[in-house]
Amino acid sequence: MNKQELFDKFIEFMGRFAEIRAVAALRDGFIMTTPFTICGSVFLLLANLPIPGYAEFMAGIFGPNWTDPLNAVSGATFSVLALIAVLAITYKYVEGEGCDAMMASILALSTFLILLPPSVAAEGGAVVDNIIPKAWAGSNGVITAILVSFVVSWVFCYCEKNHIGIKMPPAVPGGVAKAFEALTPGMILFTLGAAIYGLCHFMGATTFPELIFAMVQTPLQGLSDTLIGGSIIAALQSILFWAGIHGPNVVGGVVNPILIANSLDNQAILNAGMSLAGNPDAKIITIQVTDVFIKSGGCGITMGLLIASWLSAKSSQMKSITKLATVPGIFNINEPVIFGLPIVFNPFLLVPFVLVPLLAIVITYASIAIGFMSPFSAVQIPWTTPPIIAGLLLNGWQGAVVQIIVIAMSTAVYFPFVRAQDKNMLAEEQGEEGSDNQNGEQLNATMNDEEGKPVLHN
């Protein structure tokens, strides 16, 4: 098997992987959580703007507890992320199967709540019972939420498609009939949830989310929070997009829950009154690193490609695509250049399209590791925020400087490849122009007689 055949097999596998119902539901479900994380980030950003003297100024106007209302919003979004995820993922999975997505989502939420710890230890050692602990309803419970979503979706769809449940007479209203049809999958799921809770409680003195966190989520977060882990994420996104598969969606659907959990762990450090800068417990690779610093201008950091094109392009095709793609690119929308140039299956641009994000992850990782930038908290910004402004909002002037360096690096790496692409396009255009001129001369020749006089045709 040669390299091309091996690459084709890889692309075929990834294409099939992206079409798996569970993977698609995971991707689409976390996309549904975006409004909550973005809105929560806005309020969290307002409470922690990286402007010297901002906190003191606000405290002087509104008092020392001025951040409490803002933190309440972030607590109702980030701190219940697992609850939102279990609803959204289940809904997308069951909707794709053509079943009752709303009822399945509610059953998933109840099943998830059965598995949560029923109490928390307050300061001083007192135990508070009969609560929903935000510690496990947030980032720490995300993996459990994903597992619950998949199990509930499968059981519910199996019961509905195979007509396993209580059937009501035709005269019964549809809403009432659906409610009774959900009794059977509900009893199955709640019994399963109670059994898992009992096994964890009586055999291990723990709960399922705590067990999953210790066995799965913590190791995955540790693996993701490395330069190698970040490089794999960056490379896969670009390789898949070059092959025509939306790499950020496919890869992000799998790794984004872990990266979000990394950023929420950093937020917990801040909430405990500690600093992220120089803190060995702080995570470096977070969702902001992948979304803002290795996708400036879009996957592959094609902002550098557009700048290089503005500086060197001579072909009409390259100039036209650059003009068309620049404004969307400023807002991190780069499909016009990916599919219009195209970058997809373009041998001229494969190397920089993969290399640039790899260098960007190295630059960003090093900037945080040496202390130039601090690790990122739970604050997120809309993905359409233009580069440099995005870095400024997230990490002050240091973030803006790192983004400028990344874009400059991107421009330098893309430049020779853009020149090669442009030269090839220019040659094609000149060849077509020469062919058109030759055809025109031949047409004129046939329209004239031997003496050079025009020949009139009736």
Protein backbone atom coordinates (compact mmCIF):
# COMPACT_ATOMS: atom_id res chain seq x y z
CA MET A 1 0.00 0.00 0.00
CA ASN A 2 1.58 3.30 -1.12
CA LYS A 3 1.35 6.63 0.68
CA GLN A 4 -1.60 7.88 -1.37
CA GLU A 5 -3.64 4.75 -0.70
CA LEU A 6 -2.79 4.96 3.01
CA PHE A 7 -3.85 8.62 3.10
CA ASP A 8 -7.08 7.82 1.25
CA LYS A 9 -7.86 5.09 3.79
CA PHE A 10 -7.25 7.53 6.64
CA ILE A 11 -9.54 10.15 5.13
CA GLU A 12 -12.22 7.53 4.47
CA PHE A 13 -11.98 6.36 8.08
CA MET A 14 -12.25 9.89 9.46
CA GLY A 15 -15.21 10.61 7.19
CA ARG A 16 -17.03 7.56 8.49
CA PHE A 17 -16.03 8.45 12.05
CA ALA A 18 -17.57 11.92 11.68
CA GLU A 19 -20.84 10.33 10.52
CA ILE A 20 -21.22 8.07 13.57
CA ARG A 21 -24.40 9.07 15.36
CA ALA A 22 -22.70 9.41 18.76
CA VAL A 23 -19.89 11.56 17.37
CA ALA A 24 -22.29 13.81 15.47
CA ALA A 25 -24.49 14.16 18.56
CA LEU A 26 -21.48 14.99 20.72
CA ARG A 27 -20.34 17.65 18.26
CA ASP A 28 -23.78 19.20 17.73
CA GLY A 29 -24.66 18.95 21.41
CA PHE A 30 -21.63 20.94 22.48
CA ILE A 31 -22.36 23.48 19.78
CA MET A 32 -25.70 23.97 21.55
CA THR A 33 -23.84 24.83 24.77
CA THR A 34 -22.08 27.74 23.02
CA PRO A 35 -24.66 30.46 23.89
CA PHE A 36 -24.37 29.55 27.56
CA THR A 37 -20.57 29.58 27.65
CA ILE A 38 -20.32 32.79 25.61
CA CYS A 39 -22.93 34.64 27.70
CA GLY A 40 -21.34 33.38 30.90
CA SER A 41 -17.96 34.52 29.58
CA VAL A 42 -19.23 38.05 28.94
CA PHE A 43 -20.30 38.46 32.56
CA LEU A 44 -17.14 36.78 33.80
CA LEU A 45 -15.07 39.08 31.61
CA LEU A 46 -16.87 42.13 33.00
CA ALA A 47 -15.96 40.92 36.48
CA ASN A 48 -12.31 40.39 35.55
CA LEU A 49 -11.37 42.85 32.81
CA PRO A 50 -7.56 42.86 32.41
CA ILE A 51 -7.31 46.64 32.89
CA PRO A 52 -5.12 48.03 35.69
CA GLY A 53 -7.23 49.73 38.35
CA TYR A 54 -10.53 48.45 36.90
CA ALA A 55 -11.47 46.35 39.96
CA GLU A 56 -10.69 49.18 42.38
CA PHE A 57 -12.67 51.66 40.29
CA MET A 58 -15.76 49.42 40.19
CA ALA A 59 -15.49 48.62 43.91
CA GLY A 60 -15.39 52.35 44.66
CA ILE A 61 -18.70 52.82 42.82
CA PHE A 62 -20.65 49.63 43.65
CA GLY A 63 -18.97 48.42 46.83
CA PRO A 64 -16.62 45.50 47.61
CA ASN A 65 -19.11 42.84 46.49
CA TRP A 66 -19.79 44.37 43.07
CA THR A 67 -18.85 41.14 41.27
CA ASP A 68 -21.49 38.98 42.99
CA PRO A 69 -24.27 39.52 40.38
CA LEU A 70 -21.80 38.93 37.54
CA ASN A 71 -20.45 35.75 39.15
CA ALA A 72 -24.03 34.53 39.65
CA VAL A 73 -24.46 34.45 35.87
CA SER A 74 -21.23 32.53 35.32
CA GLY A 75 -22.27 30.16 38.10
CA ALA A 76 -25.56 29.47 36.31
CA THR A 77 -23.76 28.69 33.03
CA PHE A 78 -20.28 27.24 33.59
CA SER A 79 -21.15 25.60 36.89
CA VAL A 80 -24.03 23.63 35.33
CA LEU A 81 -22.30 22.81 32.05
CA ALA A 82 -22.76 19.06 32.54
CA LEU A 83 -26.51 19.54 33.02
CA ILE A 84 -26.71 21.56 29.81
CA ALA A 85 -24.56 19.01 27.95
CA VAL A 86 -26.63 15.99 29.00
CA LEU A 87 -29.77 17.71 27.68
CA ALA A 88 -28.20 18.93 24.44
CA ILE A 89 -26.32 15.75 23.47
CA THR A 90 -29.30 13.53 24.18
CA TYR A 91 -31.59 15.83 22.22
CA LYS A 92 -29.32 15.80 19.15
CA TYR A 93 -28.78 12.03 19.29
CA VAL A 94 -32.47 11.16 19.62
CA GLU A 95 -33.55 13.83 17.14
CA GLY A 96 -31.21 12.28 14.57
CA GLU A 97 -32.89 8.92 15.14
CA GLY A 98 -36.31 10.45 14.53
CA CYS A 99 -37.62 9.80 18.05
CA ASP A 100 -39.07 12.01 20.80
CA ALA A 101 -36.00 14.09 21.60
CA MET A 102 -37.60 16.28 24.26
CA MET A 103 -38.84 13.39 26.41
CA ALA A 104 -35.49 11.58 26.06
CA SER A 105 -33.60 14.71 27.17
CA ILE A 106 -35.72 15.02 30.30
CA LEU A 107 -35.14 11.34 31.13
CA ALA A 108 -31.40 11.86 30.61
CA LEU A 109 -31.38 14.83 33.00
CA SER A 110 -33.17 12.80 35.70
CA THR A 111 -30.83 9.83 35.21
CA PHE A 112 -27.81 12.12 35.50
CA LEU A 113 -29.15 13.66 38.71
CA ILE A 114 -29.62 10.19 40.23
CA LEU A 115 -25.89 9.58 39.84
CA LEU A 116 -24.71 12.86 41.41
CA PRO A 117 -23.44 13.06 45.01
CA PRO A 118 -26.44 13.94 47.23
CA SER A 119 -24.45 16.11 49.64
CA VAL A 120 -21.43 18.38 49.95
CA ALA A 121 -19.11 19.21 52.80
CA ALA A 122 -19.36 22.86 53.80
CA GLU A 123 -16.61 24.91 55.42
CA GLY A 124 -16.06 23.66 58.94
CA GLY A 125 -16.88 20.06 58.06
CA ALA A 126 -20.69 20.28 58.13
CA VAL A 127 -22.44 18.09 55.55
CA VAL A 128 -25.28 19.65 53.54
CA ASP A 129 -27.76 17.12 52.15
CA ASN A 130 -30.41 17.16 49.41
CA ILE A 131 -28.64 19.51 47.02
CA ILE A 132 -27.41 19.49 43.42
CA PRO A 133 -23.65 19.97 43.79
CA LYS A 134 -22.33 22.42 41.21
CA ALA A 135 -18.89 20.84 41.57
CA TRP A 136 -20.23 17.80 39.71
CA ALA A 137 -22.91 19.52 37.65
CA GLY A 138 -20.16 21.55 35.99
CA SER A 139 -16.93 20.59 34.26
CA ASN A 140 -16.12 17.70 36.61
CA GLY A 141 -19.27 15.90 35.48
CA VAL A 142 -18.92 16.40 31.73
CA ILE A 143 -17.64 12.90 30.91
CA THR A 144 -20.41 11.36 33.02
CA ALA A 145 -22.93 13.56 31.19
CA ILE A 146 -21.66 12.28 27.84
CA LEU A 147 -21.90 8.63 28.93
CA VAL A 148 -25.40 9.14 30.35
CA SER A 149 -26.51 10.85 27.13
CA PHE A 150 -25.39 7.94 24.98
CA VAL A 151 -26.94 5.24 27.19
CA VAL A 152 -30.25 7.08 27.61
CA SER A 153 -30.45 7.84 23.87
CA TRP A 154 -29.85 4.21 22.90
CA VAL A 155 -32.33 2.78 25.41
CA PHE A 156 -35.01 5.34 24.58
CA CYS A 157 -34.69 4.94 20.81
CA TYR A 158 -34.63 1.14 21.08
CA CYS A 159 -37.84 1.14 23.12
CA GLU A 160 -39.62 3.60 20.82
CA LYS A 161 -38.59 1.93 17.56
CA ASN A 162 -39.49 -1.52 18.83
CA HIS A 163 -42.76 -0.33 20.40
CA ILE A 164 -41.72 -1.38 23.90
CA GLY A 165 -43.98 0.49 26.29
CA ILE A 166 -47.53 1.20 27.36
CA LYS A 167 -49.85 1.72 24.39
CA MET A 168 -52.80 4.02 24.86
CA PRO A 169 -56.08 3.91 22.88
CA PRO A 170 -56.25 6.08 19.75
CA ALA A 171 -58.70 8.43 21.46
CA VAL A 172 -56.05 9.51 24.01
CA PRO A 173 -54.37 12.86 23.12
CA GLY A 174 -50.92 12.56 21.57
CA GLY A 175 -49.13 14.34 24.43
CA VAL A 176 -50.64 12.03 27.02
CA ALA A 177 -49.86 8.95 24.92
CA LYS A 178 -46.19 9.96 24.57
CA ALA A 179 -45.91 10.50 28.30
CA PHE A 180 -47.14 6.97 29.01
CA GLU A 181 -44.90 5.52 26.28
CA ALA A 182 -41.91 7.01 28.12
CA LEU A 183 -42.75 5.11 31.31
CA THR A 184 -41.01 1.91 30.21
CA PRO A 185 -37.67 3.44 29.12
CA GLY A 186 -37.89 5.69 32.19
CA MET A 187 -38.22 2.73 34.55
CA ILE A 188 -35.34 0.94 32.80
CA LEU A 189 -33.05 3.98 33.00
CA PHE A 190 -33.94 4.96 36.56
CA THR A 191 -33.46 1.37 37.76
CA LEU A 192 -30.09 1.24 36.03
CA GLY A 193 -29.14 4.60 37.57
CA ALA A 194 -30.16 3.47 41.05
CA ALA A 195 -28.18 0.23 40.65
CA ILE A 196 -25.03 2.11 39.59
CA TYR A 197 -25.47 4.57 42.45
CA GLY A 198 -25.83 1.70 44.93
CA LEU A 199 -22.79 -0.18 43.63
CA CYS A 200 -20.60 2.91 43.85
CA HIS A 201 -21.94 3.92 47.25
CA PHE A 202 -21.86 0.58 49.06
CA MET A 203 -18.82 -1.00 47.40
CA GLY A 204 -16.57 2.01 46.90
CA ALA A 205 -17.95 4.77 49.14
CA THR A 206 -18.03 7.04 46.10
CA THR A 207 -20.36 8.10 43.28
CA PHE A 208 -20.27 7.44 39.56
CA PRO A 209 -19.20 10.97 38.52
CA GLU A 210 -16.37 10.90 41.09
CA LEU A 211 -15.27 7.48 39.85
CA ILE A 212 -15.34 8.54 36.19
CA PHE A 213 -13.49 11.74 37.03
CA ALA A 214 -10.71 9.82 38.75
CA MET A 215 -10.44 7.06 36.13
CA VAL A 216 -11.11 8.87 32.85
CA GLN A 217 -11.44 12.64 32.94
CA THR A 218 -8.35 13.44 35.01
CA PRO A 219 -5.99 11.34 32.81
CA LEU A 220 -7.56 12.79 29.63
CA GLN A 221 -7.14 16.33 30.90
CA GLY A 222 -3.53 15.57 31.79
CA LEU A 223 -2.91 14.16 28.31
CA SER A 224 -4.53 17.14 26.61
CA ASP A 225 -2.54 19.62 28.69
CA THR A 226 0.77 18.92 26.97
CA LEU A 227 2.55 20.37 23.97
CA ILE A 228 2.27 17.00 22.22
CA GLY A 229 -1.46 16.81 22.91
CA GLY A 230 -2.02 20.34 21.64
CA SER A 231 0.06 19.63 18.53
CA ILE A 232 -1.98 16.53 17.69
CA ILE A 233 -5.20 18.53 18.02
CA ALA A 234 -3.87 21.32 15.77
CA ALA A 235 -2.49 18.96 13.12
CA LEU A 236 -5.60 16.78 12.89
CA GLN A 237 -7.87 19.79 12.43
CA SER A 238 -5.83 21.04 9.47
CA ILE A 239 -5.25 17.64 7.84
CA LEU A 240 -8.95 16.79 7.90
CA PHE A 241 -10.00 20.22 6.60
CA TRP A 242 -7.45 19.95 3.79
CA ALA A 243 -9.10 16.64 2.89
CA GLY A 244 -12.54 18.27 2.71
CA ILE A 245 -13.76 17.20 6.18
CA HIS A 246 -14.55 19.98 8.67
CA GLY A 247 -11.63 19.24 10.99
CA PRO A 248 -12.51 21.67 13.82
CA ASN A 249 -16.00 20.15 14.09
CA VAL A 250 -14.80 16.54 14.03
CA VAL A 251 -11.83 16.98 16.37
CA GLY A 252 -13.55 19.60 18.52
CA GLY A 253 -16.50 17.34 19.14
CA VAL A 254 -14.17 14.92 20.88
CA VAL A 255 -11.63 17.18 22.62
CA ASN A 256 -13.58 20.38 23.38
CA PRO A 257 -15.25 18.95 26.51
CA ILE A 258 -11.80 18.18 27.92
CA LEU A 259 -10.39 21.59 26.96
CA ILE A 260 -13.39 23.37 28.48
CA ALA A 261 -12.86 21.35 31.65
CA ASN A 262 -9.23 22.54 31.68
CA SER A 263 -10.32 26.17 31.57
CA LEU A 264 -12.94 25.62 34.28
CA ASP A 265 -10.30 24.04 36.50
CA ASN A 266 -8.26 27.21 36.06
CA GLN A 267 -11.31 29.27 37.01
CA ALA A 268 -11.63 27.23 40.20
CA ILE A 269 -8.05 28.19 41.06
CA LEU A 270 -8.92 31.86 40.62
CA ASN A 271 -12.09 31.47 42.66
CA ALA A 272 -9.99 30.02 45.46
CA GLY A 273 -8.03 33.28 45.59
CA MET A 274 -4.88 31.96 43.89
CA SER A 275 -3.13 33.26 40.79
CA LEU A 276 -2.85 31.32 37.54
CA ALA A 277 0.46 32.89 36.57
CA GLY A 278 3.29 30.59 37.61
CA ASN A 279 0.87 28.15 39.22
CA PRO A 280 1.96 24.53 38.53
CA ASP A 281 -1.64 23.35 38.92
CA ALA A 282 -2.91 25.64 36.15
CA LYS A 283 -3.69 24.06 32.77
CA ILE A 284 -1.97 25.54 29.70
CA ILE A 285 -3.90 23.93 26.84
CA THR A 286 -7.47 25.18 27.15
CA ILE A 287 -10.33 25.88 24.76
CA GLN A 288 -9.09 29.47 24.30
CA VAL A 289 -5.69 28.26 23.07
CA THR A 290 -7.25 26.19 20.30
CA ASP A 291 -10.04 28.60 19.37
CA VAL A 292 -8.18 31.91 19.54
CA PHE A 293 -4.47 31.28 19.07
CA ILE A 294 -4.24 28.34 16.66
CA LYS A 295 -7.25 29.39 14.60
CA SER A 296 -6.64 33.14 14.12
CA GLY A 297 -8.56 33.97 11.00
CA GLY A 298 -9.87 30.40 10.86
CA CYS A 299 -8.44 26.89 10.81
CA GLY A 300 -4.90 26.91 9.46
CA ILE A 301 -4.51 30.58 10.49
CA THR A 302 -5.27 31.62 6.92
CA MET A 303 -5.10 35.28 7.91
CA GLY A 304 -1.39 34.95 7.11
CA LEU A 305 -2.24 33.48 3.70
CA LEU A 306 -4.47 36.46 2.89
CA ILE A 307 -1.82 38.97 3.99
CA ALA A 308 0.80 37.16 1.89
CA SER A 309 -1.57 37.24 -1.06
CA TRP A 310 -2.21 40.96 -0.67
CA LEU A 311 1.56 41.48 -0.69
CA SER A 312 2.47 39.30 -3.67
CA ALA A 313 -0.51 38.14 -5.75
CA LYS A 314 -0.42 38.91 -9.48
CA SER A 315 -2.96 36.47 -10.90
CA SER A 316 -6.54 37.64 -11.29
CA GLN A 317 -7.86 34.52 -9.60
CA MET A 318 -5.71 34.92 -6.47
CA LYS A 319 -6.53 38.63 -6.24
CA SER A 320 -10.27 38.03 -6.59
CA ILE A 321 -10.37 35.28 -3.96
CA THR A 322 -8.25 37.37 -1.58
CA LYS A 323 -10.62 40.33 -1.87
CA LEU A 324 -13.61 38.05 -1.36
CA ALA A 325 -12.13 36.20 1.64
CA THR A 326 -10.52 39.08 3.57
CA VAL A 327 -13.57 40.51 5.35
CA PRO A 328 -14.90 37.08 6.44
CA GLY A 329 -11.34 36.14 7.44
CA ILE A 330 -11.12 39.10 9.80
CA PHE A 331 -14.02 37.50 11.67
CA ASN A 332 -12.44 34.01 11.60
CA ILE A 333 -14.62 32.70 8.76
CA ASN A 334 -12.26 31.17 6.23
CA GLU A 335 -14.46 28.80 4.22
CA PRO A 336 -14.25 31.20 1.21
CA VAL A 337 -10.49 30.72 0.97
CA ILE A 338 -10.53 27.03 1.94
CA PHE A 339 -13.06 26.08 -0.72
CA GLY A 340 -12.62 28.99 -3.11
CA LEU A 341 -8.86 29.04 -3.63
CA PRO A 342 -9.08 26.13 -2.86
CA ILE A 343 -6.95 24.81 -0.01
CA VAL A 344 -8.85 21.52 -0.07
CA PHE A 345 -6.68 18.87 -1.80
CA ASN A 346 -4.31 21.61 -2.94
CA PRO A 347 -0.71 20.26 -2.94
CA PHE A 348 0.75 23.79 -2.94
CA LEU A 349 -0.79 24.63 0.44
CA LEU A 350 -0.90 21.37 2.42
CA VAL A 351 2.45 21.95 4.16
CA PRO A 352 1.80 25.51 5.44
CA PHE A 353 -1.83 24.70 6.29
CA VAL A 354 -0.59 22.04 8.73
CA LEU A 355 2.74 23.61 9.74
CA VAL A 356 1.42 27.05 10.72
CA PRO A 357 -0.96 25.81 13.48
CA LEU A 358 1.82 23.57 14.83
CA LEU A 359 4.16 26.55 15.13
CA ALA A 360 1.34 28.59 16.65
CA ILE A 361 0.76 26.03 19.40
CA VAL A 362 4.48 26.07 20.18
CA ILE A 363 4.53 29.88 20.37
CA THR A 364 1.39 30.04 22.54
CA TYR A 365 2.47 27.19 24.82
CA ALA A 366 5.91 28.75 25.30
CA SER A 367 4.39 32.19 26.01
CA ILE A 368 2.33 30.72 28.86
CA ALA A 369 5.06 28.39 30.12
CA ILE A 370 7.61 31.21 30.50
CA GLY A 371 5.05 33.47 32.17
CA PHE A 372 4.58 36.05 29.42
CA MET A 373 0.88 35.18 29.30
CA SER A 374 -1.12 33.72 32.15
CA PRO A 375 -3.14 30.52 31.66
CA PHE A 376 -6.74 31.10 30.65
CA SER A 377 -9.73 31.04 32.98
CA ALA A 378 -13.31 30.21 32.04
CA VAL A 379 -13.67 33.49 30.14
CA GLN A 380 -14.51 32.86 26.49
CA ILE A 381 -15.28 35.30 23.73
CA PRO A 382 -17.43 34.96 20.59
CA TRP A 383 -15.51 32.95 17.99
CA THR A 384 -16.05 35.74 15.45
CA THR A 385 -14.02 38.24 17.52
CA PRO A 386 -11.23 39.51 15.22
CA PRO A 387 -7.64 38.51 15.99
CA ILE A 388 -5.61 40.86 18.21
CA ILE A 389 -8.87 42.18 19.73
CA ALA A 390 -9.55 38.62 20.90
CA GLY A 391 -6.10 38.33 22.46
CA LEU A 392 -6.48 41.72 24.12
CA LEU A 393 -9.80 40.77 25.70
CA LEU A 394 -8.58 37.40 26.93
CA ASN A 395 -5.12 38.23 28.24
CA GLY A 396 -4.49 41.95 27.97
CA TRP A 397 -1.75 43.40 25.81
CA GLN A 398 0.29 40.22 26.16
CA GLY A 399 -2.44 38.23 24.42
CA ALA A 400 -2.57 40.79 21.61
CA VAL A 401 1.22 40.63 21.18
CA VAL A 402 1.20 36.83 20.96
CA GLN A 403 -1.54 36.94 18.32
CA ILE A 404 0.46 39.51 16.33
CA ILE A 405 3.51 37.22 16.50
CA VAL A 406 1.41 34.24 15.40
CA ILE A 407 -0.07 36.15 12.43
CA ALA A 408 3.38 37.44 11.42
CA MET A 409 4.74 33.90 11.57
CA SER A 410 1.77 32.68 9.54
CA THR A 411 2.40 35.32 6.88
CA ALA A 412 6.10 34.42 6.64
CA VAL A 413 5.42 30.68 6.32
CA TYR A 414 2.61 31.05 3.80
CA PHE A 415 4.46 33.62 1.65
CA PRO A 416 6.61 31.30 -0.52
CA PHE A 417 3.75 28.82 -0.94
CA VAL A 418 1.34 31.59 -1.93
CA ARG A 419 3.93 32.82 -4.45
CA ALA A 420 4.12 29.32 -5.94
CA GLN A 421 0.33 29.03 -6.08
CA ASP A 422 -0.01 32.49 -7.60
CA LYS A 423 2.69 31.74 -10.20
CA ASN A 424 0.85 28.59 -11.22
CA MET A 425 -2.47 30.47 -11.50
CA LEU A 426 -0.82 33.26 -13.50
CA ALA A 427 0.68 30.75 -15.93
CA GLU A 428 -2.73 29.17 -16.42
CA GLU A 429 -4.32 32.56 -17.06
CA GLN A 430 -1.62 33.56 -19.54
CA GLY A 431 -1.96 30.20 -21.27
CA GLU A 432 -5.70 30.64 -21.60
CA GLU A 433 -5.23 34.20 -22.84
CA GLY A 434 -2.69 33.03 -25.42
CA SER A 435 -5.05 30.27 -26.51
CA ASP A 436 -7.89 32.77 -26.88
CA ASN A 437 -5.69 35.08 -28.97
CA GLN A 438 -4.62 32.19 -31.22
CA ASN A 439 -8.21 31.11 -31.70
CA GLY A 440 -9.16 34.67 -32.57
CA GLU A 441 -6.41 34.93 -35.17
CA GLN A 442 -7.49 31.65 -36.76
CA LEU A 443 -11.07 32.86 -36.88
CA ASN A 444 -9.99 36.10 -38.59
CA ALA A 445 -7.96 34.12 -41.11
CA THR A 446 -10.91 32.00 -42.10
CA MET A 447 -13.03 35.13 -42.53
CA ASN A 448 -10.67 36.56 -45.19
CA ASP A 449 -9.97 35.38 -48.74
CA GLU A 450 -6.56 34.87 -50.24
CA GLU A 451 -6.26 38.56 -51.11
CA GLY A 452 -7.01 39.61 -47.56
CA LYS A 453 -10.51 40.79 -48.35
CA PRO A 454 -13.35 39.90 -46.01
CA VAL A 455 -15.50 37.01 -47.09
CA LEU A 456 -19.22 37.67 -46.76
CA HIS A 457 -21.43 34.77 -45.73
CA ASN A 458 -25.14 34.71 -46.47
